[in-house]
């Protein structure tokens, strides 16, 4: 094994220049990502304040206060507001669902009582920022509506409902974000 060669002051200055440039570019990249996430936080669910969603979400808010997410009563209540929810899903890319109506076998419309959702965005369209915002939405909903369940319980329930619309990679990312918020 040979002895490491000595370095010159010029080598040291070169390293410092490269290191500082590298660190500055990494910082810029992280700031760009942080700013994108911050912007999503600012505009998150702003469509709920539009005239065509506001009344429906006012009623939904009352439902959230009396019915537990995941219960049959909650699902029935949400079904009554499906037009508002469908409109909201269509406007907010962090919701991976897309509404379909009718029999599971595709035999035609059965009326408004049957609402199924399928993946609304292809894996290519649902971005990693959408997945991060989706999990942050779950976390914020649990706290905002005073859900007494633990974060682990709430996240598991959300993954059961929404995880089926995600690709394996998107689900992995959702699970990483969930772990980030664990106490």
C-alpha atoms as a PDB file:
ATOM      1  CA  UNK A   1       0.000   0.000   0.000  1.00  0.00           C
ATOM      2  CA  UNK A   2       1.450   3.306  -0.985  1.00  0.00           C
ATOM      3  CA  UNK A   3       1.528   6.386   1.164  1.00  0.00           C
ATOM      4  CA  UNK A   4      -1.076   8.986   0.282  1.00  0.00           C
ATOM      5  CA  UNK A   5       0.495  11.804  -1.582  1.00  0.00           C
ATOM      6  CA  UNK A   6       0.625  15.220  -0.036  1.00  0.00           C
ATOM      7  CA  UNK A   7      -1.857  17.741  -1.210  1.00  0.00           C
ATOM      8  CA  UNK A   8      -1.080  21.253  -2.175  1.00  0.00           C
ATOM      9  CA  UNK A   9      -2.758  24.436  -0.999  1.00  0.00           C
ATOM     10  CA  UNK A  10      -4.235  24.619  -4.505  1.00  0.00           C
ATOM     11  CA  UNK A  11      -5.815  21.173  -3.983  1.00  0.00           C
ATOM     12  CA  UNK A  12      -7.314  22.337  -0.680  1.00  0.00           C
ATOM     13  CA  UNK A  13      -8.717  25.498  -2.264  1.00  0.00           C
ATOM     14  CA  UNK A  14     -10.137  23.391  -5.111  1.00  0.00           C
ATOM     15  CA  UNK A  15     -11.869  21.071  -2.626  1.00  0.00           C
ATOM     16  CA  UNK A  16     -13.338  23.991  -0.699  1.00  0.00           C
ATOM     17  CA  UNK A  17     -14.673  25.573  -3.910  1.00  0.00           C
ATOM     18  CA  UNK A  18     -16.199  22.311  -5.142  1.00  0.00           C
ATOM     19  CA  UNK A  19     -17.601  21.432  -1.717  1.00  0.00           C
ATOM     20  CA  UNK A  20     -19.203  24.849  -1.255  1.00  0.00           C
ATOM     21  CA  UNK A  21     -20.702  24.816  -4.764  1.00  0.00           C
ATOM     22  CA  UNK A  22     -22.011  21.279  -4.222  1.00  0.00           C
ATOM     23  CA  UNK A  23     -23.527  22.188  -0.847  1.00  0.00           C
ATOM     24  CA  UNK A  24     -25.113  25.331  -2.298  1.00  0.00           C
ATOM     25  CA  UNK A  25     -26.701  23.372  -5.160  1.00  0.00           C
ATOM     26  CA  UNK A  26     -28.002  20.739  -2.749  1.00  0.00           C
ATOM     27  CA  UNK A  27     -29.427  23.531  -0.588  1.00  0.00           C
ATOM     28  CA  UNK A  28     -31.096  25.082  -3.653  1.00  0.00           C
ATOM     29  CA  UNK A  29     -32.595  21.728  -4.621  1.00  0.00           C
ATOM     30  CA  UNK A  30     -33.920  21.129  -1.094  1.00  0.00           C
ATOM     31  CA  UNK A  31     -35.337  24.668  -0.977  1.00  0.00           C
ATOM     32  CA  UNK A  32     -37.061  24.069  -4.312  1.00  0.00           C
ATOM     33  CA  UNK A  33     -38.633  20.930  -2.893  1.00  0.00           C
ATOM     34  CA  UNK A  34     -39.546  22.645   0.389  1.00  0.00           C
ATOM     35  CA  UNK A  35     -41.090  25.556  -1.521  1.00  0.00           C
ATOM     36  CA  UNK A  36     -43.164  23.158  -3.652  1.00  0.00           C
ATOM     37  CA  UNK A  37     -44.447  21.472  -0.486  1.00  0.00           C
ATOM     38  CA  UNK A  38     -45.068  24.843   1.164  1.00  0.00           C
ATOM     39  CA  UNK A  39     -47.065  26.012  -1.858  1.00  0.00           C
ATOM     40  CA  UNK A  40     -49.206  22.859  -1.628  1.00  0.00           C
ATOM     41  CA  UNK A  41     -49.830  23.671   2.024  1.00  0.00           C
ATOM     42  CA  UNK A  42     -50.989  27.165   1.104  1.00  0.00           C
ATOM     43  CA  UNK A  43     -53.428  26.040  -1.618  1.00  0.00           C
ATOM     44  CA  UNK A  44     -54.420  22.672  -0.097  1.00  0.00           C
ATOM     45  CA  UNK A  45     -58.139  21.996  -0.612  1.00  0.00           C
ATOM     46  CA  UNK A  46     -58.809  25.654  -1.503  1.00  0.00           C
ATOM     47  CA  UNK A  47     -61.539  24.434  -3.855  1.00  0.00           C
ATOM     48  CA  UNK A  48     -63.673  23.727  -0.752  1.00  0.00           C
ATOM     49  CA  UNK A  49     -64.149  27.500  -0.518  1.00  0.00           C
ATOM     50  CA  UNK A  50     -65.618  27.743  -4.053  1.00  0.00           C
ATOM     51  CA  UNK A  51     -69.377  28.168  -4.356  1.00  0.00           C
ATOM     52  CA  UNK A  52     -69.926  24.722  -5.875  1.00  0.00           C
ATOM     53  CA  UNK A  53     -68.116  22.896  -3.035  1.00  0.00           C
ATOM     54  CA  UNK A  54     -68.723  25.115   0.004  1.00  0.00           C
ATOM     55  CA  UNK A  55     -72.280  24.049   0.891  1.00  0.00           C
ATOM     56  CA  UNK A  56     -71.495  20.368   0.460  1.00  0.00           C
ATOM     57  CA  UNK A  57     -68.386  20.581   2.614  1.00  0.00           C
ATOM     58  CA  UNK A  58     -70.314  22.518   5.250  1.00  0.00           C
ATOM     59  CA  UNK A  59     -72.626  19.512   5.523  1.00  0.00           C
ATOM     60  CA  UNK A  60     -69.675  17.116   5.368  1.00  0.00           C
ATOM     61  CA  UNK A  61     -68.001  18.995   8.220  1.00  0.00           C
ATOM     62  CA  UNK A  62     -71.067  18.353  10.378  1.00  0.00           C
ATOM     63  CA  UNK A  63     -70.882  14.662   9.444  1.00  0.00           C
ATOM     64  CA  UNK A  64     -67.199  14.483  10.420  1.00  0.00           C
ATOM     65  CA  UNK A  65     -68.090  15.741  13.877  1.00  0.00           C
ATOM     66  CA  UNK A  66     -70.666  13.008  14.496  1.00  0.00           C
ATOM     67  CA  UNK A  67     -69.563   9.992  12.445  1.00  0.00           C
ATOM     68  CA  UNK A  68     -66.246   8.200  12.721  1.00  0.00           C
ATOM     69  CA  UNK A  69     -64.146   7.880   9.541  1.00  0.00           C
ATOM     70  CA  UNK A  70     -64.425   4.326   8.276  1.00  0.00           C
ATOM     71  CA  UNK A  71     -67.801   3.568   9.893  1.00  0.00           C
ATOM     72  CA  UNK A  72     -70.861   2.492   7.881  1.00  0.00           C
ATOM     73  CA  UNK A  73     -72.671   5.633   8.995  1.00  0.00           C
ATOM     74  CA  UNK A  74     -69.776   7.756   7.766  1.00  0.00           C
ATOM     75  CA  UNK A  75     -69.782   5.984   4.391  1.00  0.00           C
ATOM     76  CA  UNK A  76     -73.560   6.455   4.009  1.00  0.00           C
ATOM     77  CA  UNK A  77     -73.231  10.138   4.897  1.00  0.00           C
ATOM     78  CA  UNK A  78     -70.415  10.610   2.420  1.00  0.00           C
ATOM     79  CA  UNK A  79     -72.438   8.868  -0.269  1.00  0.00           C
ATOM     80  CA  UNK A  80     -75.136  11.541   0.127  1.00  0.00           C
ATOM     81  CA  UNK A  81     -72.482  14.180  -0.640  1.00  0.00           C
ATOM     82  CA  UNK A  82     -70.808  12.245  -3.464  1.00  0.00           C
ATOM     83  CA  UNK A  83     -71.360  14.977  -6.064  1.00  0.00           C
ATOM     84  CA  UNK A  84     -69.376  17.436  -3.956  1.00  0.00           C
ATOM     85  CA  UNK A  85     -66.721  14.847  -3.137  1.00  0.00           C
ATOM     86  CA  UNK A  86     -66.383  13.819  -6.786  1.00  0.00           C
ATOM     87  CA  UNK A  87     -65.970  17.443  -7.835  1.00  0.00           C
ATOM     88  CA  UNK A  88     -63.372  17.954  -5.117  1.00  0.00           C
ATOM     89  CA  UNK A  89     -61.452  14.809  -6.127  1.00  0.00           C
ATOM     90  CA  UNK A  90     -61.402  15.994  -9.739  1.00  0.00           C
ATOM     91  CA  UNK A  91     -59.822  19.315  -8.715  1.00  0.00           C
ATOM     92  CA  UNK A  92     -57.226  18.126  -6.197  1.00  0.00           C
ATOM     93  CA  UNK A  93     -54.485  15.835  -7.472  1.00  0.00           C
ATOM     94  CA  UNK A  94     -53.573  14.468  -4.030  1.00  0.00           C
ATOM     95  CA  UNK A  95     -56.787  12.404  -4.128  1.00  0.00           C
ATOM     96  CA  UNK A  96     -56.052   9.266  -6.173  1.00  0.00           C
ATOM     97  CA  UNK A  97     -59.716   8.258  -6.619  1.00  0.00           C
ATOM     98  CA  UNK A  98     -61.877   8.790  -9.632  1.00  0.00           C
ATOM     99  CA  UNK A  99     -65.622   8.172  -9.312  1.00  0.00           C
ATOM    100  CA  UNK A 100     -67.388   5.481 -11.294  1.00  0.00           C
ATOM    101  CA  UNK A 101     -71.038   4.602 -10.976  1.00  0.00           C
ATOM    102  CA  UNK A 102     -72.738   1.308 -11.582  1.00  0.00           C
ATOM    103  CA  UNK A 103     -72.399  -2.374 -11.028  1.00  0.00           C
ATOM    104  CA  UNK A 104     -68.943  -3.793 -10.326  1.00  0.00           C
ATOM    105  CA  UNK A 105     -69.343  -6.036 -13.386  1.00  0.00           C
ATOM    106  CA  UNK A 106     -69.703  -2.971 -15.608  1.00  0.00           C
ATOM    107  CA  UNK A 107     -73.289  -3.821 -16.613  1.00  0.00           C
ATOM    108  CA  UNK A 108     -74.513  -0.249 -16.391  1.00  0.00           C
ATOM    109  CA  UNK A 109     -75.689   2.433 -14.051  1.00  0.00           C
ATOM    110  CA  UNK A 110     -77.510   1.392 -10.917  1.00  0.00           C
ATOM    111  CA  UNK A 111     -78.262   4.847  -9.587  1.00  0.00           C
ATOM    112  CA  UNK A 112     -76.624   7.072  -7.049  1.00  0.00           C
ATOM    113  CA  UNK A 113     -76.653   4.479  -4.254  1.00  0.00           C
ATOM    114  CA  UNK A 114     -73.706   2.603  -5.763  1.00  0.00           C
ATOM    115  CA  UNK A 115     -70.486   4.593  -5.861  1.00  0.00           C
ATOM    116  CA  UNK A 116     -67.193   2.934  -6.576  1.00  0.00           C
ATOM    117  CA  UNK A 117     -63.861   4.605  -7.078  1.00  0.00           C
ATOM    118  CA  UNK A 118     -61.008   3.587  -9.274  1.00  0.00           C
ATOM    119  CA  UNK A 119     -57.557   5.039  -9.664  1.00  0.00           C
ATOM    120  CA  UNK A 120     -58.124   8.496 -11.072  1.00  0.00           C
ATOM    121  CA  UNK A 121     -54.539   9.170 -12.051  1.00  0.00           C
ATOM    122  CA  UNK A 122     -52.089   6.835 -13.635  1.00  0.00           C
ATOM    123  CA  UNK A 123     -48.932   6.080 -11.694  1.00  0.00           C
ATOM    124  CA  UNK A 124     -47.134   8.504 -13.999  1.00  0.00           C
ATOM    125  CA  UNK A 125     -49.575  11.321 -13.150  1.00  0.00           C
ATOM    126  CA  UNK A 126     -49.812  10.895  -9.362  1.00  0.00           C
ATOM    127  CA  UNK A 127     -46.551  12.542  -8.360  1.00  0.00           C
ATOM    128  CA  UNK A 128     -44.484  11.988  -5.257  1.00  0.00           C
ATOM    129  CA  UNK A 129     -45.621  15.440  -4.102  1.00  0.00           C
ATOM    130  CA  UNK A 130     -49.251  14.291  -4.464  1.00  0.00           C
ATOM    131  CA  UNK A 131     -48.523  11.220  -2.317  1.00  0.00           C
ATOM    132  CA  UNK A 132     -46.799  13.320   0.355  1.00  0.00           C
ATOM    133  CA  UNK A 133     -49.692  15.799   0.406  1.00  0.00           C
ATOM    134  CA  UNK A 134     -52.200  12.925   0.576  1.00  0.00           C
ATOM    135  CA  UNK A 135     -50.605  11.520   3.734  1.00  0.00           C
ATOM    136  CA  UNK A 136     -50.288  15.006   5.236  1.00  0.00           C
ATOM    137  CA  UNK A 137     -54.008  15.393   4.513  1.00  0.00           C
ATOM    138  CA  UNK A 138     -54.730  12.219   6.498  1.00  0.00           C
ATOM    139  CA  UNK A 139     -52.580  13.440   9.376  1.00  0.00           C
ATOM    140  CA  UNK A 140     -54.211  16.871   9.382  1.00  0.00           C
ATOM    141  CA  UNK A 141     -57.734  15.442   9.139  1.00  0.00           C
ATOM    142  CA  UNK A 142     -57.160  13.181  12.133  1.00  0.00           C
ATOM    143  CA  UNK A 143     -55.974  16.090  14.258  1.00  0.00           C
ATOM    144  CA  UNK A 144     -58.347  18.690  12.832  1.00  0.00           C
ATOM    145  CA  UNK A 145     -61.424  16.580  13.488  1.00  0.00           C
ATOM    146  CA  UNK A 146     -60.245  15.404  16.918  1.00  0.00           C
ATOM    147  CA  UNK A 147     -60.167  11.732  15.942  1.00  0.00           C
ATOM    148  CA  UNK A 148     -59.223   9.897  19.148  1.00  0.00           C
ATOM    149  CA  UNK A 149     -57.578   7.031  17.277  1.00  0.00           C
ATOM    150  CA  UNK A 150     -53.818   6.800  17.235  1.00  0.00           C
ATOM    151  CA  UNK A 151     -51.920   7.921  14.170  1.00  0.00           C
ATOM    152  CA  UNK A 152     -51.036   4.270  13.481  1.00  0.00           C
ATOM    153  CA  UNK A 153     -54.731   3.266  13.499  1.00  0.00           C
ATOM    154  CA  UNK A 154     -55.783   6.232  11.391  1.00  0.00           C
ATOM    155  CA  UNK A 155     -52.990   5.737   8.863  1.00  0.00           C
ATOM    156  CA  UNK A 156     -53.794   2.021   8.566  1.00  0.00           C
ATOM    157  CA  UNK A 157     -57.449   2.823   7.907  1.00  0.00           C
ATOM    158  CA  UNK A 158     -56.535   5.409   5.273  1.00  0.00           C
ATOM    159  CA  UNK A 159     -54.161   2.974   3.582  1.00  0.00           C
ATOM    160  CA  UNK A 160     -56.945   0.383   3.491  1.00  0.00           C
ATOM    161  CA  UNK A 161     -59.258   2.879   1.784  1.00  0.00           C
ATOM    162  CA  UNK A 162     -56.824   4.734  -0.469  1.00  0.00           C
ATOM    163  CA  UNK A 163     -53.844   2.403  -0.732  1.00  0.00           C
ATOM    164  CA  UNK A 164     -55.583   0.251  -3.327  1.00  0.00           C
ATOM    165  CA  UNK A 165     -55.324   3.148  -5.795  1.00  0.00           C
ATOM    166  CA  UNK A 166     -51.556   3.427  -5.401  1.00  0.00           C
ATOM    167  CA  UNK A 167     -48.752   1.699  -7.215  1.00  0.00           C
ATOM    168  CA  UNK A 168     -46.291  -0.259  -5.050  1.00  0.00           C
ATOM    169  CA  UNK A 169     -43.840   2.656  -5.244  1.00  0.00           C
ATOM    170  CA  UNK A 170     -46.470   5.202  -4.268  1.00  0.00           C
ATOM    171  CA  UNK A 171     -47.597   2.997  -1.395  1.00  0.00           C
ATOM    172  CA  UNK A 172     -43.979   2.679  -0.221  1.00  0.00           C
ATOM    173  CA  UNK A 173     -43.649   6.472  -0.213  1.00  0.00           C
ATOM    174  CA  UNK A 174     -46.960   6.847   1.647  1.00  0.00           C
ATOM    175  CA  UNK A 175     -45.689   4.400   4.277  1.00  0.00           C
ATOM    176  CA  UNK A 176     -42.445   6.395   4.624  1.00  0.00           C
ATOM    177  CA  UNK A 177     -44.378   9.637   5.167  1.00  0.00           C
ATOM    178  CA  UNK A 178     -46.631   7.855   7.676  1.00  0.00           C
ATOM    179  CA  UNK A 179     -43.527   6.732   9.588  1.00  0.00           C
ATOM    180  CA  UNK A 180     -42.206  10.312   9.528  1.00  0.00           C
ATOM    181  CA  UNK A 181     -45.274  11.426  11.537  1.00  0.00           C
ATOM    182  CA  UNK A 182     -45.112   8.612  14.088  1.00  0.00           C
ATOM    183  CA  UNK A 183     -44.585   9.874  17.637  1.00  0.00           C
END
